[in-house]
Amino acid sequence: VPLYISYDRVIEERSYLKELSGVPKVQENTADIIKTTSILRKRFGRVYINIGEPIIMKDYLDAQEKPMEQMTVNERQSLYRKIGYESVLEINKVSVVTPFALVASGLLSHDRRGISHDELQAILNEFYDYLSTRNVKFAATFDNRERALQDSLNIFASTNIISRIEADEEEEMQEVVYSLEENKRLNLEYYKNNILHFFVSICFVATAIVKNPEDTLSQTKILA
């Protein structure tokens, strides 16, 4: 049974980053979390659990070209990989887009260190519109999209993952700019990765168009 579990924010954010850098995973200990009472006072948002389309193994194996007992070792290993990929695909189908994931994706898609609030908002709106055409599942907090995205930005700023710079009152243009240090980018990777699969197909198309020097490009050539 493909099962999707995700969080607005993960408690083990620091541990996750250490694992990404090669540090061995430490066994979870519930008692340690309970002892760290400061965690219980922090706001981590929601947990999302969705169940994908179950895979009936008997029917699945009956549909193969030959029975398992007649398969070679390589054929069985290939079948195991296929089952794994199809399970992940079903999990991806029921995954949820959270405000944290969308904001992280917008910040990481920007190639400069600083981005204005208006620029970021435009990127987030474009991502949201695209995801809407894919009929993906959005977190319930998107019922108030502006507030949900702003709350995510505020939390990223309060935890020093991003910096918020506001123009002086004396300046004519009152503009908010968000800054992301290079060593903080990894903090946002987890959240971005939760929705990255929704963008894979459009990335292939975009790459095919950008890499071609011609001004016009036929659909046949893009697909090729």
Protein backbone atom coordinates (compact mmCIF):
# COMPACT_ATOMS: atom_id res chain seq x y z
CA VAL A 1 0.00 0.00 0.00
CA PRO A 2 1.71 3.25 -1.13
CA LEU A 3 1.63 5.65 1.83
CA TYR A 4 2.52 9.35 1.68
CA ILE A 5 3.60 11.04 4.93
CA SER A 6 4.89 14.60 5.00
CA TYR A 7 5.17 17.58 7.32
CA ASP A 8 4.99 21.35 7.06
CA ARG A 9 8.28 21.40 8.99
CA VAL A 10 10.39 18.49 10.18
CA ILE A 11 11.52 18.40 13.81
CA GLU A 12 14.75 16.60 12.83
CA GLU A 13 15.80 19.35 10.36
CA ARG A 14 19.37 19.56 11.71
CA SER A 15 19.79 15.78 11.78
CA TYR A 16 18.53 15.56 8.20
CA LEU A 17 21.11 18.11 7.05
CA LYS A 18 23.89 16.17 8.80
CA GLU A 19 22.78 12.98 7.04
CA LEU A 20 22.86 14.77 3.67
CA SER A 21 26.46 15.74 4.36
CA GLY A 22 27.43 12.11 5.05
CA VAL A 23 27.05 11.79 8.82
CA PRO A 24 25.58 8.34 9.75
CA LYS A 25 21.90 8.38 10.73
CA VAL A 26 21.28 8.31 14.49
CA GLN A 27 18.53 6.01 15.77
CA GLU A 28 15.44 8.01 16.76
CA ASN A 29 14.66 8.13 20.46
CA THR A 30 11.20 9.25 21.61
CA ALA A 31 12.47 9.88 25.13
CA ASP A 32 14.98 12.43 23.82
CA ILE A 33 12.20 14.37 22.10
CA ILE A 34 10.06 14.36 25.24
CA LYS A 35 13.00 15.61 27.30
CA THR A 36 13.54 18.47 24.89
CA THR A 37 10.46 20.38 26.01
CA SER A 38 11.38 23.42 23.90
CA ILE A 39 10.39 21.41 20.81
CA LEU A 40 6.86 21.03 22.16
CA ARG A 41 6.49 24.80 22.42
CA LYS A 42 7.50 25.42 18.80
CA ARG A 43 5.18 25.60 15.85
CA PHE A 44 5.82 22.88 13.28
CA GLY A 45 2.52 23.01 11.38
CA ARG A 46 0.62 20.02 10.05
CA VAL A 47 1.26 16.39 9.22
CA TYR A 48 -0.17 15.03 5.95
CA ILE A 49 -0.99 11.34 5.45
CA ASN A 50 -2.47 10.08 2.17
CA ILE A 51 -2.96 6.52 0.92
CA GLY A 52 -2.27 5.72 -2.73
CA GLU A 53 -3.84 3.08 -4.95
CA PRO A 54 -3.05 -0.34 -3.41
CA ILE A 55 -1.07 -2.79 -5.52
CA ILE A 56 -2.57 -6.31 -5.39
CA MET A 57 0.55 -8.45 -5.59
CA LYS A 58 -1.20 -11.63 -6.78
CA ASP A 59 -2.78 -9.79 -9.74
CA TYR A 60 0.47 -7.90 -10.37
CA LEU A 61 2.57 -11.09 -10.54
CA ASP A 62 -0.06 -12.91 -12.63
CA ALA A 63 0.23 -10.12 -15.22
CA GLN A 64 3.98 -10.72 -15.72
CA GLU A 65 5.28 -12.60 -18.77
CA LYS A 66 6.43 -15.57 -16.68
CA PRO A 67 5.94 -16.84 -13.11
CA MET A 68 8.43 -15.75 -10.44
CA GLU A 69 9.84 -19.26 -10.03
CA GLN A 70 10.80 -19.31 -13.72
CA MET A 71 12.59 -15.96 -13.65
CA THR A 72 16.35 -15.61 -13.58
CA VAL A 73 18.01 -13.67 -10.77
CA ASN A 74 18.39 -10.64 -13.06
CA GLU A 75 14.74 -10.83 -14.13
CA ARG A 76 13.58 -10.96 -10.50
CA GLN A 77 15.78 -8.00 -9.55
CA SER A 78 14.40 -6.06 -12.51
CA LEU A 79 10.87 -6.88 -11.30
CA TYR A 80 11.67 -5.68 -7.77
CA ARG A 81 12.94 -2.35 -9.14
CA LYS A 82 9.80 -2.02 -11.29
CA ILE A 83 7.57 -2.60 -8.26
CA GLY A 84 9.58 -0.04 -6.30
CA TYR A 85 9.31 2.59 -9.02
CA GLU A 86 5.58 2.03 -9.44
CA SER A 87 5.05 2.26 -5.67
CA VAL A 88 6.90 5.59 -5.59
CA LEU A 89 4.85 6.79 -8.56
CA GLU A 90 1.63 6.04 -6.66
CA ILE A 91 3.00 7.88 -3.60
CA ASN A 92 3.86 10.89 -5.78
CA LYS A 93 0.30 10.96 -7.13
CA VAL A 94 -1.12 11.53 -3.64
CA SER A 95 1.58 13.83 -2.32
CA VAL A 96 0.61 17.26 -1.01
CA VAL A 97 1.94 20.69 -1.94
CA THR A 98 2.51 22.66 1.25
CA PRO A 99 3.20 26.41 1.57
CA PHE A 100 6.67 25.59 2.95
CA ALA A 101 7.49 23.45 -0.10
CA LEU A 102 6.26 26.10 -2.52
CA VAL A 103 8.17 28.94 -0.79
CA ALA A 104 11.35 26.82 -0.62
CA SER A 105 11.05 26.03 -4.34
CA GLY A 106 10.62 29.71 -5.17
CA LEU A 107 13.61 30.81 -3.12
CA LEU A 108 15.86 28.07 -4.53
CA SER A 109 14.84 28.75 -8.13
CA HIS A 110 16.28 32.26 -7.87
CA ASP A 111 19.92 32.47 -8.97
CA ARG A 112 20.83 35.60 -7.01
CA ARG A 113 21.38 35.90 -3.28
CA GLY A 114 18.61 38.43 -2.71
CA ILE A 115 15.06 38.57 -4.05
CA SER A 116 12.38 41.20 -3.49
CA HIS A 117 9.02 40.25 -2.03
CA ASP A 118 7.26 41.17 -5.29
CA GLU A 119 9.67 39.07 -7.38
CA LEU A 120 9.23 36.09 -5.10
CA GLN A 121 5.45 36.52 -5.09
CA ALA A 122 5.42 36.47 -8.91
CA ILE A 123 7.43 33.22 -8.96
CA LEU A 124 5.17 31.61 -6.34
CA ASN A 125 2.05 32.63 -8.25
CA GLU A 126 3.49 31.13 -11.45
CA PHE A 127 4.34 27.88 -9.67
CA TYR A 128 0.89 27.76 -8.05
CA ASP A 129 -0.89 28.33 -11.36
CA TYR A 130 1.15 25.59 -13.03
CA LEU A 131 0.52 23.10 -10.22
CA SER A 132 -3.19 23.93 -10.36
CA THR A 133 -3.27 22.84 -14.00
CA ARG A 134 -1.78 19.51 -12.88
CA ASN A 135 -4.70 19.05 -10.44
CA VAL A 136 -2.31 18.28 -7.59
CA LYS A 137 -3.37 18.18 -3.95
CA PHE A 138 -2.77 21.42 -2.05
CA ALA A 139 -2.58 21.72 1.72
CA ALA A 140 -5.76 23.03 3.36
CA THR A 141 -3.89 26.18 4.44
CA PHE A 142 -3.89 27.29 0.78
CA ASP A 143 -7.53 28.30 1.29
CA ASN A 144 -5.90 31.59 2.30
CA ARG A 145 -2.93 31.46 -0.05
CA GLU A 146 -1.44 34.87 0.73
CA ARG A 147 -1.47 34.27 4.48
CA ALA A 148 -0.13 30.69 4.15
CA LEU A 149 2.84 31.81 2.05
CA GLN A 150 3.56 34.78 4.30
CA ASP A 151 3.44 32.56 7.40
CA SER A 152 5.99 30.24 5.78
CA LEU A 153 8.28 33.16 4.97
CA ASN A 154 7.94 34.47 8.52
CA ILE A 155 8.89 31.09 10.01
CA PHE A 156 11.87 30.66 7.67
CA ALA A 157 12.98 34.16 8.69
CA SER A 158 12.42 33.61 12.43
CA THR A 159 14.55 30.45 12.31
CA ASN A 160 17.33 32.33 10.43
CA ILE A 161 17.09 30.16 7.33
CA ILE A 162 16.48 33.36 5.34
CA SER A 163 17.08 37.01 6.19
CA ARG A 164 14.46 39.72 5.70
CA ILE A 165 15.69 43.20 4.91
CA GLU A 166 13.24 46.09 4.95
CA ALA A 167 13.96 49.47 3.36
CA ASP A 168 14.41 52.46 5.65
CA GLU A 169 11.35 54.60 6.25
CA GLU A 170 13.16 57.53 4.66
CA GLU A 171 13.57 55.70 1.36
CA GLU A 172 10.99 56.38 -1.29
CA MET A 173 10.42 52.72 -2.22
CA GLN A 174 9.29 50.61 0.72
CA GLU A 175 10.49 47.20 -0.42
CA VAL A 176 11.09 43.95 1.45
CA VAL A 177 14.02 41.84 0.24
CA TYR A 178 14.70 38.23 1.26
CA SER A 179 18.28 36.98 1.35
CA LEU A 180 19.41 33.35 1.33
CA GLU A 181 22.96 32.53 2.35
CA GLU A 182 24.68 29.81 0.31
CA ASN A 183 25.19 27.63 3.39
CA LYS A 184 21.45 27.83 4.19
CA ARG A 185 20.24 26.58 0.80
CA LEU A 186 20.44 22.98 1.97
CA ASN A 187 17.90 23.76 4.73
CA LEU A 188 15.30 24.37 2.05
CA GLU A 189 16.17 21.34 -0.10
CA TYR A 190 14.05 18.91 1.91
CA TYR A 191 10.91 20.99 1.45
CA LYS A 192 11.57 21.63 -2.25
CA ASN A 193 12.24 17.95 -2.90
CA ASN A 194 8.74 17.04 -1.68
CA ILE A 195 7.18 18.64 -4.77
CA LEU A 196 10.06 18.45 -7.26
CA HIS A 197 8.52 15.53 -9.15
CA PHE A 198 5.59 17.70 -10.24
CA PHE A 199 8.01 19.85 -12.27
CA VAL A 200 10.03 17.10 -13.98
CA SER A 201 7.97 16.88 -17.18
CA ILE A 202 7.82 20.63 -17.74
CA CYS A 203 11.58 20.85 -17.05
CA PHE A 204 12.24 18.41 -19.89
CA VAL A 205 10.15 20.56 -22.24
CA ALA A 206 11.77 23.80 -21.05
CA THR A 207 15.27 22.34 -21.46
CA ALA A 208 14.48 21.17 -24.99
CA ILE A 209 13.31 24.68 -25.94
CA VAL A 210 16.09 26.63 -24.20
CA LYS A 211 18.87 24.43 -25.63
CA ASN A 212 17.68 24.95 -29.21
CA PRO A 213 19.09 28.04 -30.96
CA GLU A 214 16.12 28.41 -33.34
CA ASP A 215 13.50 31.12 -32.80
CA THR A 216 10.64 28.75 -33.58
CA LEU A 217 10.46 25.09 -32.72
CA SER A 218 7.95 22.48 -33.84
CA GLN A 219 6.28 20.19 -31.33
CA THR A 220 7.74 17.21 -33.19
CA LYS A 221 11.27 18.53 -32.66
CA ILE A 222 10.63 19.24 -28.97
CA LEU A 223 9.36 15.71 -28.44
CA ALA A 224 12.35 14.29 -30.32
